[in-house]
C-alpha atoms as a PDB file:
ATOM      1  CA  MET A   1       0.000   0.000   0.000  1.00  0.00           C
ATOM      2  CA  THR A   2       2.895   2.372   0.779  1.00  0.00           C
ATOM      3  CA  LYS A   3       4.312   2.116  -2.744  1.00  0.00           C
ATOM      4  CA  PHE A   4       0.881   2.751  -4.227  1.00  0.00           C
ATOM      5  CA  LEU A   5       0.331   5.855  -2.051  1.00  0.00           C
ATOM      6  CA  LEU A   6       3.838   7.124  -2.769  1.00  0.00           C
ATOM      7  CA  SER A   7       3.276   6.649  -6.503  1.00  0.00           C
ATOM      8  CA  LEU A   8      -0.001   8.590  -6.341  1.00  0.00           C
ATOM      9  CA  HIS A   9       1.657  11.326  -4.267  1.00  0.00           C
ATOM     10  CA  VAL A  10       4.517  11.755  -6.744  1.00  0.00           C
ATOM     11  CA  LEU A  11       2.163  11.665  -9.744  1.00  0.00           C
ATOM     12  CA  ALA A  12      -0.125  14.237  -8.136  1.00  0.00           C
ATOM     13  CA  ALA A  13       2.855  16.488  -7.430  1.00  0.00           C
ATOM     14  CA  ILE A  14       4.129  16.257 -10.996  1.00  0.00           C
ATOM     15  CA  ILE A  15       0.720  16.658 -12.611  1.00  0.00           C
ATOM     16  CA  THR A  16      -0.455  19.590 -10.450  1.00  0.00           C
ATOM     17  CA  VAL A  17       2.528  21.506  -9.086  1.00  0.00           C
ATOM     18  CA  GLY A  18       4.454  21.408 -12.373  1.00  0.00           C
ATOM     19  CA  PRO A  19       1.797  23.238 -14.395  1.00  0.00           C
ATOM     20  CA  ILE A  20       1.244  25.780 -11.610  1.00  0.00           C
ATOM     21  CA  THR A  21       4.924  26.677 -11.397  1.00  0.00           C
ATOM     22  CA  VAL A  22       5.253  26.975 -15.173  1.00  0.00           C
ATOM     23  CA  ALA A  23       2.021  28.931 -15.694  1.00  0.00           C
ATOM     24  CA  ALA A  24       2.685  31.221 -12.718  1.00  0.00           C
ATOM     25  CA  SER A  25       6.197  31.909 -14.029  1.00  0.00           C
ATOM     26  CA  MET A  26       4.885  32.678 -17.507  1.00  0.00           C
ATOM     27  CA  PHE A  27       2.147  34.990 -16.216  1.00  0.00           C
ATOM     28  CA  PRO A  28       4.196  38.165 -15.406  1.00  0.00           C
ATOM     29  CA  PRO A  29       5.976  38.413 -18.786  1.00  0.00           C
ATOM     30  CA  SER A  30       2.717  37.582 -20.581  1.00  0.00           C
ATOM     31  CA  ALA A  31       0.931  40.259 -18.554  1.00  0.00           C
ATOM     32  CA  ARG A  32       3.633  42.793 -19.450  1.00  0.00           C
ATOM     33  CA  LYS A  33       3.122  41.922 -23.111  1.00  0.00           C
ATOM     34  CA  ALA A  34      -0.656  42.316 -22.759  1.00  0.00           C
ATOM     35  CA  LEU A  35      -0.124  45.687 -21.063  1.00  0.00           C
ATOM     36  CA  ALA A  36       2.220  46.796 -23.839  1.00  0.00           C
ATOM     37  CA  GLU A  37      -0.310  45.766 -26.519  1.00  0.00           C
ATOM     38  CA  PRO A  38      -3.642  47.078 -25.143  1.00  0.00           C
ATOM     39  CA  GLY A  39      -5.762  45.968 -28.101  1.00  0.00           C
ATOM     40  CA  SER A  40      -4.304  42.475 -28.445  1.00  0.00           C
ATOM     41  CA  GLU A  41      -7.027  39.964 -27.668  1.00  0.00           C
ATOM     42  CA  ARG A  42      -4.507  37.136 -28.081  1.00  0.00           C
ATOM     43  CA  ALA A  43      -2.244  38.542 -25.363  1.00  0.00           C
ATOM     44  CA  VAL A  44      -5.204  38.928 -23.013  1.00  0.00           C
ATOM     45  CA  SER A  45      -6.436  35.394 -23.707  1.00  0.00           C
ATOM     46  CA  VAL A  46      -2.971  33.986 -22.926  1.00  0.00           C
ATOM     47  CA  VAL A  47      -2.979  35.781 -19.572  1.00  0.00           C
ATOM     48  CA  ARG A  48      -6.490  34.480 -18.816  1.00  0.00           C
ATOM     49  CA  LEU A  49      -5.457  30.932 -19.681  1.00  0.00           C
ATOM     50  CA  LEU A  50      -2.360  31.080 -17.465  1.00  0.00           C
ATOM     51  CA  HIS A  51      -4.445  32.347 -14.557  1.00  0.00           C
ATOM     52  CA  ARG A  52      -7.032  29.605 -15.087  1.00  0.00           C
ATOM     53  CA  ILE A  53      -4.271  26.973 -15.040  1.00  0.00           C
ATOM     54  CA  CYS A  54      -2.914  28.353 -11.759  1.00  0.00           C
ATOM     55  CA  ARG A  55      -6.365  28.504 -10.171  1.00  0.00           C
ATOM     56  CA  VAL A  56      -7.635  25.083 -11.303  1.00  0.00           C
ATOM     57  CA  TYR A  57      -4.429  23.155 -10.715  1.00  0.00           C
ATOM     58  CA  GLY A  58      -4.016  24.948  -7.396  1.00  0.00           C
ATOM     59  CA  GLY A  59      -7.371  23.542  -6.307  1.00  0.00           C
ATOM     60  CA  VAL A  60      -6.621  20.047  -7.570  1.00  0.00           C
ATOM     61  CA  GLY A  61      -3.165  20.312  -5.990  1.00  0.00           C
ATOM     62  CA  ILE A  62      -4.670  19.726  -2.538  1.00  0.00           C
ATOM     63  CA  ALA A  63      -4.267  16.047  -3.437  1.00  0.00           C
ATOM     64  CA  VAL A  64      -0.479  16.381  -3.066  1.00  0.00           C
ATOM     65  CA  PRO A  65      -0.359  17.052   0.702  1.00  0.00           C
ATOM     66  CA  VAL A  66      -3.319  14.727   1.350  1.00  0.00           C
ATOM     67  CA  LEU A  67      -1.589  11.839  -0.408  1.00  0.00           C
ATOM     68  CA  GLY A  68       1.696  12.869   1.205  1.00  0.00           C
ATOM     69  CA  LEU A  69       0.200  12.617   4.676  1.00  0.00           C
ATOM     70  CA  ALA A  70      -1.318   9.229   3.867  1.00  0.00           C
ATOM     71  CA  THR A  71       2.042   8.029   2.578  1.00  0.00           C
ATOM     72  CA  ALA A  72       3.890   9.366   5.634  1.00  0.00           C
ATOM     73  CA  MET A  73       1.440   7.632   7.977  1.00  0.00           C
ATOM     74  CA  SER A  74       1.885   4.414   6.019  1.00  0.00           C
ATOM     75  CA  MET A  75       5.681   4.735   6.268  1.00  0.00           C
ATOM     76  CA  GLY A  76       5.594   5.741   9.938  1.00  0.00           C
ATOM     77  CA  VAL A  77       7.614   8.927   9.382  1.00  0.00           C
ATOM     78  CA  LEU A  78       5.122  11.596  10.506  1.00  0.00           C
ATOM     79  CA  GLY A  79       7.439  12.739  13.295  1.00  0.00           C
ATOM     80  CA  ASP A  80      10.585  13.044  11.149  1.00  0.00           C
ATOM     81  CA  ALA A  81      12.034  16.546  10.973  1.00  0.00           C
ATOM     82  CA  TRP A  82      12.416  16.555   7.185  1.00  0.00           C
ATOM     83  CA  LEU A  83       8.739  15.739   6.774  1.00  0.00           C
ATOM     84  CA  ILE A  84       7.576  18.345   9.274  1.00  0.00           C
ATOM     85  CA  VAL A  85       9.693  20.996   7.517  1.00  0.00           C
ATOM     86  CA  SER A  86       8.266  19.846   4.169  1.00  0.00           C
ATOM     87  CA  MET A  87       4.696  20.146   5.479  1.00  0.00           C
ATOM     88  CA  VAL A  88       5.361  23.655   6.823  1.00  0.00           C
ATOM     89  CA  LEU A  89       6.933  24.723   3.517  1.00  0.00           C
ATOM     90  CA  THR A  90       4.017  23.212   1.590  1.00  0.00           C
ATOM     91  CA  GLY A  91       1.618  25.212   3.753  1.00  0.00           C
ATOM     92  CA  LEU A  92       3.638  28.373   3.123  1.00  0.00           C
ATOM     93  CA  ALA A  93       3.615  27.690  -0.623  1.00  0.00           C
ATOM     94  CA  ALA A  94      -0.165  27.302  -0.537  1.00  0.00           C
ATOM     95  CA  MET A  95      -0.513  30.574   1.382  1.00  0.00           C
ATOM     96  CA  VAL A  96       1.754  32.398  -1.088  1.00  0.00           C
ATOM     97  CA  LEU A  97      -0.315  31.070  -3.989  1.00  0.00           C
ATOM     98  CA  LEU A  98      -3.681  31.878  -2.396  1.00  0.00           C
ATOM     99  CA  ALA A  99      -2.828  35.188  -0.732  1.00  0.00           C
ATOM    100  CA  LEU A 100      -0.211  36.724  -3.014  1.00  0.00           C
ATOM    101  CA  VAL A 101      -0.028  35.144  -6.470  1.00  0.00           C
ATOM    102  CA  LEU A 102      -3.654  34.501  -7.469  1.00  0.00           C
ATOM    103  CA  PRO A 103      -5.010  37.868  -6.176  1.00  0.00           C
ATOM    104  CA  ARG A 104      -2.284  39.774  -8.069  1.00  0.00           C
ATOM    105  CA  GLN A 105      -3.044  37.789 -11.203  1.00  0.00           C
ATOM    106  CA  GLU A 106      -6.733  38.657 -10.839  1.00  0.00           C
ATOM    107  CA  GLU A 107      -5.872  42.323 -10.300  1.00  0.00           C
ATOM    108  CA  ILE A 108      -3.806  42.343 -13.483  1.00  0.00           C
ATOM    109  CA  LEU A 109      -6.525  40.478 -15.396  1.00  0.00           C
ATOM    110  CA  GLU A 110      -9.124  43.063 -14.402  1.00  0.00           C
ATOM    111  CA  GLY A 111      -6.903  45.855 -15.671  1.00  0.00           C
ATOM    112  CA  VAL A 112      -5.812  44.108 -18.850  1.00  0.00           C
ATOM    113  CA  GLY A 113      -9.164  42.569 -19.772  1.00  0.00           C
ATOM    114  CA  ASN A 114     -11.217  45.699 -19.166  1.00  0.00           C
ATOM    115  CA  SER A 115      -8.859  48.377 -20.404  1.00  0.00           C
ATOM    116  CA  ALA A 116     -11.802  50.533 -21.528  1.00  0.00           C
ATOM    117  CA  ALA A 117     -13.658  50.178 -18.224  1.00  0.00           C
ATOM    118  CA  SER A 118     -10.561  50.530 -16.050  1.00  0.00           C
ATOM    119  CA  PRO A 119      -8.921  53.948 -16.293  1.00  0.00           C
ATOM    120  CA  LEU A 120      -5.786  52.723 -14.511  1.00  0.00           C
ATOM    121  CA  PRO A 121      -4.456  49.445 -15.874  1.00  0.00           C
ATOM    122  CA  PRO A 122      -2.019  47.631 -13.592  1.00  0.00           C
ATOM    123  CA  ASP A 123       1.457  49.028 -13.866  1.00  0.00           C
ATOM    124  CA  LEU A 124       4.741  47.216 -14.287  1.00  0.00           C
ATOM    125  CA  GLU A 125       5.369  47.411 -10.530  1.00  0.00           C
ATOM    126  CA  VAL A 126       2.450  45.039  -9.933  1.00  0.00           C
ATOM    127  CA  THR A 127       3.827  42.547 -12.455  1.00  0.00           C
ATOM    128  CA  ALA A 128       7.289  42.813 -10.898  1.00  0.00           C
ATOM    129  CA  ARG A 129       5.851  42.151  -7.443  1.00  0.00           C
ATOM    130  CA  LEU A 130       3.886  39.218  -8.850  1.00  0.00           C
ATOM    131  CA  ALA A 131       7.072  37.830 -10.400  1.00  0.00           C
ATOM    132  CA  MET A 132       8.756  38.034  -6.984  1.00  0.00           C
ATOM    133  CA  PHE A 133       5.891  36.220  -5.232  1.00  0.00           C
ATOM    134  CA  THR A 134       5.886  33.590  -7.978  1.00  0.00           C
ATOM    135  CA  GLY A 135       9.621  33.110  -7.471  1.00  0.00           C
ATOM    136  CA  VAL A 136       9.076  32.598  -3.738  1.00  0.00           C
ATOM    137  CA  PHE A 137       6.321  30.063  -4.488  1.00  0.00           C
ATOM    138  CA  ASN A 138       8.587  28.162  -6.880  1.00  0.00           C
ATOM    139  CA  LEU A 139      11.524  28.270  -4.455  1.00  0.00           C
ATOM    140  CA  LEU A 140       9.360  26.808  -1.686  1.00  0.00           C
ATOM    141  CA  TRP A 141       8.310  23.923  -3.940  1.00  0.00           C
ATOM    142  CA  ALA A 142      11.889  23.346  -5.077  1.00  0.00           C
ATOM    143  CA  THR A 143      12.959  23.113  -1.424  1.00  0.00           C
ATOM    144  CA  VAL A 144      10.164  20.648  -0.648  1.00  0.00           C
ATOM    145  CA  THR A 145      11.190  18.558  -3.643  1.00  0.00           C
ATOM    146  CA  ILE A 146      14.802  18.461  -2.463  1.00  0.00           C
ATOM    147  CA  LEU A 147      13.704  17.468   1.047  1.00  0.00           C
ATOM    148  CA  MET A 148      11.549  14.681  -0.407  1.00  0.00           C
ATOM    149  CA  ILE A 149      14.503  13.312  -2.355  1.00  0.00           C
ATOM    150  CA  VAL A 150      17.317  13.779   0.183  1.00  0.00           C
ATOM    151  CA  ARG A 151      15.303  13.020   3.331  1.00  0.00           C
ATOM    152  CA  PRO A 152      17.895  13.968   5.955  1.00  0.00           C
ATOM    153  CA  GLY A 153      18.408  11.201   8.476  1.00  0.00           C
ATOM    154  CA  SER A 154      16.918   8.594   6.141  1.00  0.00           C
ATOM    155  CA  THR A 155      18.157   5.059   6.479  1.00  0.00           C
ATOM    156  CA  THR A 156      17.732   4.351   2.758  1.00  0.00           C
ATOM    157  CA  GLY A 157      21.281   5.466   2.054  1.00  0.00           C
ATOM    158  CA  ALA A 158      20.237   8.033  -0.550  1.00  0.00           C
END
């Protein structure tokens, strides 16, 4: 059962976190392009699609920590320091996505998508801040990935 849960956990991480990190990273430069080309419907639709990917996969991504907890319980490693740190970092990544990345994307989308209705489209400072938050999100996930592979104190010899 442990191998099955671990396989599902890894697959869920690859299938959900991968697209979020890529789409979130592509969003700021795509938003800058949409801001630079106010009438470009294609640029706006790309930004909308990237936001939708982040939002949908972010919701489905809840499977990653759920399956991770089930796997950890099955392996009997819930009290290991590397796992606790990974869970805290996963929680922080979720908070960064929900509180900092997605709201900024929505703010930019409102300004880019409704340029006629919005007298003040989002400026480049907002996209730069979004790029920073996205970088923090990606760095948190990279750290969790490294902890999952290295597992300090593991007896597997890896």
